Amino acid sequence: MKYLAVLFIALLGVVMISGSVMEDDLYELVREFANDPAPRHGRNGCVNRFAKNICGDLVSQKNCRAASRMGRFARQHCQFLCGLC
């Protein structure tokens, strides 16, 4: 019974330590998205409907002209990036 109690306490300590590490990573991601400097709105209601991690990193300006699913997505959702304003 003593061994079971020691094992339970050790397991609880491991869970608490790994939980605090994951919590720090989560706070870092939240801070990154909150401080995103990329403008999402342009003139005349021209809007990037997604943040910089999609319209800018994943979808680039060269995708705006392609006749593909990525190009169609870029022209529809990343208008400010594609210069369709």
PDB file of N, CA and C in Angstrom:
ATOM      1  N   MET A   1       0.823  -1.193   0.000  1.00  0.00           N
ATOM      2  CA  MET A   1       0.000   0.000   0.000  1.00  0.00           C
ATOM      3  C   MET A   1       0.867   1.257   0.000  1.00  0.00           C
ATOM      4  N   LYS A   2       2.024   1.172   0.709  1.00  0.00           N
ATOM      5  CA  LYS A   2       2.919   2.331   0.725  1.00  0.00           C
ATOM      6  C   LYS A   2       3.442   2.622  -0.674  1.00  0.00           C
ATOM      7  N   TYR A   3       3.751   1.561  -1.402  1.00  0.00           N
ATOM      8  CA  TYR A   3       4.289   1.740  -2.747  1.00  0.00           C
ATOM      9  C   TYR A   3       3.261   2.376  -3.681  1.00  0.00           C
ATOM     10  N   LEU A   4       2.017   2.007  -3.516  1.00  0.00           N
ATOM     11  CA  LEU A   4       0.951   2.590  -4.321  1.00  0.00           C
ATOM     12  C   LEU A   4       0.804   4.082  -4.027  1.00  0.00           C
ATOM     13  N   ALA A   5       0.903   4.468  -2.772  1.00  0.00           N
ATOM     14  CA  ALA A   5       0.814   5.883  -2.400  1.00  0.00           C
ATOM     15  C   ALA A   5       1.993   6.670  -2.956  1.00  0.00           C
ATOM     16  N   VAL A   6       3.200   6.105  -2.894  1.00  0.00           N
ATOM     17  CA  VAL A   6       4.391   6.774  -3.431  1.00  0.00           C
ATOM     18  C   VAL A   6       4.275   6.909  -4.945  1.00  0.00           C
ATOM     19  N   LEU A   7       3.804   5.849  -5.602  1.00  0.00           N
ATOM     20  CA  LEU A   7       3.617   5.888  -7.050  1.00  0.00           C
ATOM     21  C   LEU A   7       2.589   6.943  -7.441  1.00  0.00           C
ATOM     22  N   PHE A   8       1.504   7.029  -6.694  1.00  0.00           N
ATOM     23  CA  PHE A   8       0.472   8.025  -6.975  1.00  0.00           C
ATOM     24  C   PHE A   8       1.016   9.443  -6.807  1.00  0.00           C
ATOM     25  N   ILE A   9       1.779   9.688  -5.774  1.00  0.00           N
ATOM     26  CA  ILE A   9       2.356  11.019  -5.541  1.00  0.00           C
ATOM     27  C   ILE A   9       3.353  11.364  -6.641  1.00  0.00           C
ATOM     28  N   ALA A  10       4.165  10.405  -7.064  1.00  0.00           N
ATOM     29  CA  ALA A  10       5.123  10.646  -8.149  1.00  0.00           C
ATOM     30  C   ALA A  10       4.392  10.946  -9.451  1.00  0.00           C
ATOM     31  N   LEU A  11       3.344  10.199  -9.735  1.00  0.00           N
ATOM     32  CA  LEU A  11       2.558  10.429 -10.941  1.00  0.00           C
ATOM     33  C   LEU A  11       1.890  11.801 -10.904  1.00  0.00           C
ATOM     34  N   LEU A  12       1.391  12.187  -9.771  1.00  0.00           N
ATOM     35  CA  LEU A  12       0.781  13.502  -9.617  1.00  0.00           C
ATOM     36  C   LEU A  12       1.806  14.609  -9.848  1.00  0.00           C
ATOM     37  N   GLY A  13       3.020  14.439  -9.359  1.00  0.00           N
ATOM     38  CA  GLY A  13       4.085  15.422  -9.584  1.00  0.00           C
ATOM     39  C   GLY A  13       4.442  15.549 -11.051  1.00  0.00           C
ATOM     40  N   VAL A  14       4.525  14.432 -11.761  1.00  0.00           N
ATOM     41  CA  VAL A  14       4.830  14.459 -13.199  1.00  0.00           C
ATOM     42  C   VAL A  14       3.734  15.184 -13.965  1.00  0.00           C
ATOM     43  N   VAL A  15       2.496  14.920 -13.634  1.00  0.00           N
ATOM     44  CA  VAL A  15       1.375  15.573 -14.312  1.00  0.00           C
ATOM     45  C   VAL A  15       1.389  17.075 -14.055  1.00  0.00           C
ATOM     46  N   MET A  16       1.682  17.484 -12.839  1.00  0.00           N
ATOM     47  CA  MET A  16       1.714  18.914 -12.519  1.00  0.00           C
ATOM     48  C   MET A  16       2.843  19.618 -13.261  1.00  0.00           C
ATOM     49  N   ILE A  17       4.009  18.987 -13.362  1.00  0.00           N
ATOM     50  CA  ILE A  17       5.141  19.601 -14.062  1.00  0.00           C
ATOM     51  C   ILE A  17       4.854  19.702 -15.550  1.00  0.00           C
ATOM     52  N   SER A  18       4.349  18.645 -16.169  1.00  0.00           N
ATOM     53  CA  SER A  18       4.070  18.692 -17.605  1.00  0.00           C
ATOM     54  C   SER A  18       2.920  19.646 -17.898  1.00  0.00           C
ATOM     55  N   GLY A  19       1.977  19.778 -17.000  1.00  0.00           N
ATOM     56  CA  GLY A  19       0.874  20.717 -17.191  1.00  0.00           C
ATOM     57  C   GLY A  19       1.346  22.153 -17.192  1.00  0.00           C
ATOM     58  N   SER A  20       2.302  22.494 -16.342  1.00  0.00           N
ATOM     59  CA  SER A  20       2.801  23.869 -16.312  1.00  0.00           C
ATOM     60  C   SER A  20       3.606  24.179 -17.565  1.00  0.00           C
ATOM     61  N   VAL A  21       4.312  23.189 -18.114  1.00  0.00           N
ATOM     62  CA  VAL A  21       5.059  23.399 -19.358  1.00  0.00           C
ATOM     63  C   VAL A  21       4.099  23.652 -20.508  1.00  0.00           C
ATOM     64  N   MET A  22       3.034  22.865 -20.593  1.00  0.00           N
ATOM     65  CA  MET A  22       2.045  23.054 -21.654  1.00  0.00           C
ATOM     66  C   MET A  22       1.326  24.385 -21.501  1.00  0.00           C
ATOM     67  N   GLU A  23       1.097  24.807 -20.280  1.00  0.00           N
ATOM     68  CA  GLU A  23       0.431  26.078 -20.039  1.00  0.00           C
ATOM     69  C   GLU A  23       1.288  27.234 -20.541  1.00  0.00           C
ATOM     70  N   ASP A  24       2.593  27.172 -20.338  1.00  0.00           N
ATOM     71  CA  ASP A  24       3.488  28.214 -20.843  1.00  0.00           C
ATOM     72  C   ASP A  24       3.473  28.259 -22.363  1.00  0.00           C
ATOM     73  N   ASP A  25       3.465  27.100 -23.016  1.00  0.00           N
ATOM     74  CA  ASP A  25       3.395  27.062 -24.477  1.00  0.00           C
ATOM     75  C   ASP A  25       2.086  27.652 -24.975  1.00  0.00           C
ATOM     76  N   LEU A  26       1.000  27.354 -24.282  1.00  0.00           N
ATOM     77  CA  LEU A  26      -0.298  27.883 -24.674  1.00  0.00           C
ATOM     78  C   LEU A  26      -0.333  29.397 -24.531  1.00  0.00           C
ATOM     79  N   TYR A  27       0.199  29.936 -23.432  1.00  0.00           N
ATOM     80  CA  TYR A  27       0.246  31.382 -23.255  1.00  0.00           C
ATOM     81  C   TYR A  27       1.113  32.047 -24.320  1.00  0.00           C
ATOM     82  N   GLU A  28       2.193  31.388 -24.732  1.00  0.00           N
ATOM     83  CA  GLU A  28       3.057  31.938 -25.775  1.00  0.00           C
ATOM     84  C   GLU A  28       2.307  32.026 -27.104  1.00  0.00           C
ATOM     85  N   LEU A  29       1.523  31.004 -27.443  1.00  0.00           N
ATOM     86  CA  LEU A  29       0.734  31.044 -28.672  1.00  0.00           C
ATOM     87  C   LEU A  29      -0.327  32.136 -28.622  1.00  0.00           C
ATOM     88  N   VAL A  30      -0.980  32.287 -27.479  1.00  0.00           N
ATOM     89  CA  VAL A  30      -2.007  33.324 -27.346  1.00  0.00           C
ATOM     90  C   VAL A  30      -1.387  34.707 -27.496  1.00  0.00           C
ATOM     91  N   ARG A  31      -0.223  34.931 -26.874  1.00  0.00           N
ATOM     92  CA  ARG A  31       0.451  36.227 -27.008  1.00  0.00           C
ATOM     93  C   ARG A  31       0.864  36.489 -28.449  1.00  0.00           C
ATOM     94  N   GLU A  32       1.306  35.461 -29.161  1.00  0.00           N
ATOM     95  CA  GLU A  32       1.722  35.623 -30.553  1.00  0.00           C
ATOM     96  C   GLU A  32       0.544  36.051 -31.432  1.00  0.00           C
ATOM     97  N   PHE A  33      -0.613  35.426 -31.249  1.00  0.00           N
ATOM     98  CA  PHE A  33      -1.771  35.792 -32.054  1.00  0.00           C
ATOM     99  C   PHE A  33      -2.338  37.145 -31.648  1.00  0.00           C
ATOM    100  N   ALA A  34      -2.233  37.512 -30.387  1.00  0.00           N
ATOM    101  CA  ALA A  34      -2.747  38.804 -29.931  1.00  0.00           C
ATOM    102  C   ALA A  34      -1.896  39.955 -30.437  1.00  0.00           C
ATOM    103  N   ASN A  35      -0.595  39.737 -30.613  1.00  0.00           N
ATOM    104  CA  ASN A  35       0.312  40.794 -31.060  1.00  0.00           C
ATOM    105  C   ASN A  35       0.644  40.681 -32.537  1.00  0.00           C
ATOM    106  N   ASP A  36      -0.225  40.112 -33.335  1.00  0.00           N
ATOM    107  CA  ASP A  36       0.008  39.955 -34.768  1.00  0.00           C
ATOM    108  C   ASP A  36       0.003  41.335 -35.425  1.00  0.00           C
ATOM    109  N   PRO A  37       1.150  41.811 -35.924  1.00  0.00           N
ATOM    110  CA  PRO A  37       1.228  43.171 -36.448  1.00  0.00           C
ATOM    111  C   PRO A  37       0.670  43.333 -37.855  1.00  0.00           C
ATOM    112  N   ALA A  38       0.368  42.249 -38.544  1.00  0.00           N
ATOM    113  CA  ALA A  38      -0.078  42.346 -39.934  1.00  0.00           C
ATOM    114  C   ALA A  38      -1.470  42.961 -40.005  1.00  0.00           C
ATOM    115  N   PRO A  39      -1.661  43.940 -40.871  1.00  0.00           N
ATOM    116  CA  PRO A  39      -2.995  44.518 -41.020  1.00  0.00           C
ATOM    117  C   PRO A  39      -3.923  43.529 -41.708  1.00  0.00           C
ATOM    118  N   ARG A  40      -5.110  43.423 -41.208  1.00  0.00           N
ATOM    119  CA  ARG A  40      -6.088  42.523 -41.813  1.00  0.00           C
ATOM    120  C   ARG A  40      -7.092  43.300 -42.650  1.00  0.00           C
ATOM    121  N   HIS A  41      -7.101  44.624 -42.535  1.00  0.00           N
ATOM    122  CA  HIS A  41      -8.069  45.430 -43.252  1.00  0.00           C
ATOM    123  C   HIS A  41      -7.349  46.453 -44.113  1.00  0.00           C
ATOM    124  N   GLY A  42      -7.857  46.676 -45.266  1.00  0.00           N
ATOM    125  CA  GLY A  42      -7.300  47.685 -46.145  1.00  0.00           C
ATOM    126  C   GLY A  42      -8.319  48.777 -46.398  1.00  0.00           C
ATOM    127  N   ARG A  43      -8.108  49.492 -47.469  1.00  0.00           N
ATOM    128  CA  ARG A  43      -9.040  50.561 -47.815  1.00  0.00           C
ATOM    129  C   ARG A  43     -10.289  49.994 -48.478  1.00  0.00           C
ATOM    130  N   ASN A  44     -11.345  50.730 -48.432  1.00  0.00           N
ATOM    131  CA  ASN A  44     -12.603  50.417 -49.124  1.00  0.00           C
ATOM    132  C   ASN A  44     -13.164  49.043 -48.749  1.00  0.00           C
ATOM    133  N   GLY A  45     -12.986  48.646 -47.526  1.00  0.00           N
ATOM    134  CA  GLY A  45     -13.542  47.380 -47.067  1.00  0.00           C
ATOM    135  C   GLY A  45     -12.810  46.153 -47.569  1.00  0.00           C
ATOM    136  N   CYS A  46     -11.610  46.330 -48.078  1.00  0.00           N
ATOM    137  CA  CYS A  46     -10.810  45.201 -48.547  1.00  0.00           C
ATOM    138  C   CYS A  46     -10.261  44.472 -47.327  1.00  0.00           C
ATOM    139  N   VAL A  47     -10.510  43.181 -47.226  1.00  0.00           N
ATOM    140  CA  VAL A  47     -10.230  42.463 -45.988  1.00  0.00           C
ATOM    141  C   VAL A  47      -9.470  41.170 -46.273  1.00  0.00           C
ATOM    142  N   ASN A  48      -8.459  40.899 -45.443  1.00  0.00           N
ATOM    143  CA  ASN A  48      -7.908  39.552 -45.337  1.00  0.00           C
ATOM    144  C   ASN A  48      -8.730  38.867 -44.268  1.00  0.00           C
ATOM    145  N   ARG A  49      -9.461  37.838 -44.625  1.00  0.00           N
ATOM    146  CA  ARG A  49     -10.348  37.193 -43.658  1.00  0.00           C
ATOM    147  C   ARG A  49      -9.605  36.297 -42.682  1.00  0.00           C
ATOM    148  N   PHE A  50      -8.333  36.053 -42.948  1.00  0.00           N
ATOM    149  CA  PHE A  50      -7.515  35.238 -42.057  1.00  0.00           C
ATOM    150  C   PHE A  50      -6.296  36.042 -41.640  1.00  0.00           C
ATOM    151  N   ALA A  51      -5.717  35.702 -40.513  1.00  0.00           N
ATOM    152  CA  ALA A  51      -4.565  36.427 -39.970  1.00  0.00           C
ATOM    153  C   ALA A  51      -3.320  36.136 -40.799  1.00  0.00           C
ATOM    154  N   LYS A  52      -2.204  36.706 -40.373  1.00  0.00           N
ATOM    155  CA  LYS A  52      -0.939  36.610 -41.098  1.00  0.00           C
ATOM    156  C   LYS A  52      -0.450  35.178 -41.245  1.00  0.00           C
ATOM    157  N   ASN A  53      -0.804  34.311 -40.323  1.00  0.00           N
ATOM    158  CA  ASN A  53      -0.324  32.932 -40.430  1.00  0.00           C
ATOM    159  C   ASN A  53      -0.918  32.207 -41.633  1.00  0.00           C
ATOM    160  N   ILE A  54      -2.082  32.639 -42.143  1.00  0.00           N
ATOM    161  CA  ILE A  54      -2.658  32.059 -43.357  1.00  0.00           C
ATOM    162  C   ILE A  54      -2.379  32.974 -44.542  1.00  0.00           C
ATOM    163  N   CYS A  55      -2.886  34.215 -44.495  1.00  0.00           N
ATOM    164  CA  CYS A  55      -2.712  35.172 -45.595  1.00  0.00           C
ATOM    165  C   CYS A  55      -1.366  35.863 -45.441  1.00  0.00           C
ATOM    166  N   GLY A  56      -0.333  35.270 -45.953  1.00  0.00           N
ATOM    167  CA  GLY A  56       0.998  35.834 -45.863  1.00  0.00           C
ATOM    168  C   GLY A  56       2.049  34.757 -45.724  1.00  0.00           C
ATOM    169  N   ASP A  57       1.836  33.815 -44.828  1.00  0.00           N
ATOM    170  CA  ASP A  57       2.802  32.731 -44.650  1.00  0.00           C
ATOM    171  C   ASP A  57       2.434  31.519 -45.504  1.00  0.00           C
ATOM    172  N   LEU A  58       1.229  31.004 -45.337  1.00  0.00           N
ATOM    173  CA  LEU A  58       0.803  29.821 -46.081  1.00  0.00           C
ATOM    174  C   LEU A  58       0.410  30.187 -47.512  1.00  0.00           C
ATOM    175  N   VAL A  59      -0.368  31.245 -47.656  1.00  0.00           N
ATOM    176  CA  VAL A  59      -0.795  31.725 -48.971  1.00  0.00           C
ATOM    177  C   VAL A  59       0.049  32.941 -49.306  1.00  0.00           C
ATOM    178  N   SER A  60       0.779  32.876 -50.407  1.00  0.00           N
ATOM    179  CA  SER A  60       1.616  34.007 -50.810  1.00  0.00           C
ATOM    180  C   SER A  60       0.995  34.692 -52.024  1.00  0.00           C
ATOM    181  N   GLN A  61       1.605  35.797 -52.459  1.00  0.00           N
ATOM    182  CA  GLN A  61       1.057  36.544 -53.590  1.00  0.00           C
ATOM    183  C   GLN A  61       1.127  35.760 -54.889  1.00  0.00           C
ATOM    184  N   LYS A  62       2.090  34.861 -55.020  1.00  0.00           N
ATOM    185  CA  LYS A  62       2.165  34.069 -56.254  1.00  0.00           C
ATOM    186  C   LYS A  62       1.000  33.093 -56.370  1.00  0.00           C
ATOM    187  N   ASN A  63       0.340  32.748 -55.255  1.00  0.00           N
ATOM    188  CA  ASN A  63      -0.827  31.873 -55.302  1.00  0.00           C
ATOM    189  C   ASN A  63      -2.068  32.597 -55.791  1.00  0.00           C
ATOM    190  N   CYS A  64      -2.067  33.910 -55.798  1.00  0.00           N
ATOM    191  CA  CYS A  64      -3.259  34.670 -56.169  1.00  0.00           C
ATOM    192  C   CYS A  64      -3.610  34.497 -57.642  1.00  0.00           C
ATOM    193  N   ARG A  65      -2.640  34.247 -58.490  1.00  0.00           N
ATOM    194  CA  ARG A  65      -2.883  34.156 -59.925  1.00  0.00           C
ATOM    195  C   ARG A  65      -3.065  32.722 -60.418  1.00  0.00           C
ATOM    196  N   ALA A  66      -2.754  31.761 -59.615  1.00  0.00           N
ATOM    197  CA  ALA A  66      -2.815  30.367 -60.044  1.00  0.00           C
ATOM    198  C   ALA A  66      -4.259  29.896 -60.208  1.00  0.00           C
ATOM    199  N   ALA A  67      -4.470  29.068 -61.230  1.00  0.00           N
ATOM    200  CA  ALA A  67      -5.799  28.495 -61.465  1.00  0.00           C
ATOM    201  C   ALA A  67      -5.883  27.168 -60.708  1.00  0.00           C
ATOM    202  N   SER A  68      -5.924  27.250 -59.399  1.00  0.00           N
ATOM    203  CA  SER A  68      -5.962  26.056 -58.555  1.00  0.00           C
ATOM    204  C   SER A  68      -6.853  26.335 -57.354  1.00  0.00           C
ATOM    205  N   ARG A  69      -6.996  25.340 -56.513  1.00  0.00           N
ATOM    206  CA  ARG A  69      -7.798  25.534 -55.301  1.00  0.00           C
ATOM    207  C   ARG A  69      -7.170  26.588 -54.399  1.00  0.00           C
ATOM    208  N   MET A  70      -5.827  26.583 -54.307  1.00  0.00           N
ATOM    209  CA  MET A  70      -5.128  27.571 -53.475  1.00  0.00           C
ATOM    210  C   MET A  70      -5.340  28.975 -54.035  1.00  0.00           C
ATOM    211  N   GLY A  71      -5.279  29.114 -55.362  1.00  0.00           N
ATOM    212  CA  GLY A  71      -5.501  30.418 -55.982  1.00  0.00           C
ATOM    213  C   GLY A  71      -6.917  30.919 -55.769  1.00  0.00           C
ATOM    214  N   ARG A  72      -7.882  30.023 -55.892  1.00  0.00           N
ATOM    215  CA  ARG A  72      -9.279  30.405 -55.667  1.00  0.00           C
ATOM    216  C   ARG A  72      -9.484  30.825 -54.213  1.00  0.00           C
ATOM    217  N   PHE A  73      -8.882  30.096 -53.281  1.00  0.00           N
ATOM    218  CA  PHE A  73      -8.961  30.458 -51.867  1.00  0.00           C
ATOM    219  C   PHE A  73      -8.309  31.817 -51.624  1.00  0.00           C
ATOM    220  N   ALA A  74      -7.145  32.043 -52.231  1.00  0.00           N
ATOM    221  CA  ALA A  74      -6.422  33.301 -52.026  1.00  0.00           C
ATOM    222  C   ALA A  74      -7.224  34.483 -52.551  1.00  0.00           C
ATOM    223  N   ARG A  75      -7.781  34.357 -53.742  1.00  0.00           N
ATOM    224  CA  ARG A  75      -8.560  35.472 -54.309  1.00  0.00           C
ATOM    225  C   ARG A  75      -9.830  35.737 -53.519  1.00  0.00           C
ATOM    226  N   GLN A  76     -10.394  34.706 -52.931  1.00  0.00           N
ATOM    227  CA  GLN A  76     -11.647  34.865 -52.203  1.00  0.00           C
ATOM    228  C   GLN A  76     -11.441  35.369 -50.776  1.00  0.00           C
ATOM    229  N   HIS A  77     -10.408  34.881 -50.082  1.00  0.00           N
ATOM    230  CA  HIS A  77     -10.261  35.173 -48.657  1.00  0.00           C
ATOM    231  C   HIS A  77      -9.106  36.104 -48.315  1.00  0.00           C
ATOM    232  N   CYS A  78      -8.159  36.309 -49.210  1.00  0.00           N
ATOM    233  CA  CYS A  78      -6.990  37.157 -48.937  1.00  0.00           C
ATOM    234  C   CYS A  78      -6.939  38.300 -49.948  1.00  0.00           C
ATOM    235  N   GLN A  79      -8.005  39.058 -50.045  1.00  0.00           N
ATOM    236  CA  GLN A  79      -8.114  40.100 -51.068  1.00  0.00           C
ATOM    237  C   GLN A  79      -7.073  41.192 -50.887  1.00  0.00           C
ATOM    238  N   PHE A  80      -6.791  41.598 -49.671  1.00  0.00           N
ATOM    239  CA  PHE A  80      -5.804  42.647 -49.429  1.00  0.00           C
ATOM    240  C   PHE A  80      -4.416  42.172 -49.830  1.00  0.00           C
ATOM    241  N   LEU A  81      -4.081  40.931 -49.556  1.00  0.00           N
ATOM    242  CA  LEU A  81      -2.793  40.359 -49.932  1.00  0.00           C
ATOM    243  C   LEU A  81      -2.658  40.280 -51.446  1.00  0.00           C
ATOM    244  N   CYS A  82      -3.722  39.915 -52.134  1.00  0.00           N
ATOM    245  CA  CYS A  82      -3.679  39.757 -53.589  1.00  0.00           C
ATOM    246  C   CYS A  82      -3.786  41.082 -54.329  1.00  0.00           C
ATOM    247  N   GLY A  83      -4.095  42.154 -53.654  1.00  0.00           N
ATOM    248  CA  GLY A  83      -4.209  43.456 -54.306  1.00  0.00           C
ATOM    249  C   GLY A  83      -5.475  43.594 -55.127  1.00  0.00           C
ATOM    250  N   LEU A  84      -6.552  42.992 -54.699  1.00  0.00           N
ATOM    251  CA  LEU A  84      -7.815  43.054 -55.433  1.00  0.00           C
ATOM    252  C   LEU A  84      -8.682  44.223 -54.984  1.00  0.00           C
ATOM    253  N   CYS A  85      -8.119  45.162 -54.288  1.00  0.00           N
ATOM    254  CA  CYS A  85      -8.888  46.296 -53.766  1.00  0.00           C
ATOM    255  C   CYS A  85      -8.904  47.432 -54.780  1.00  0.00           C
TER     256      CYS A  85
END
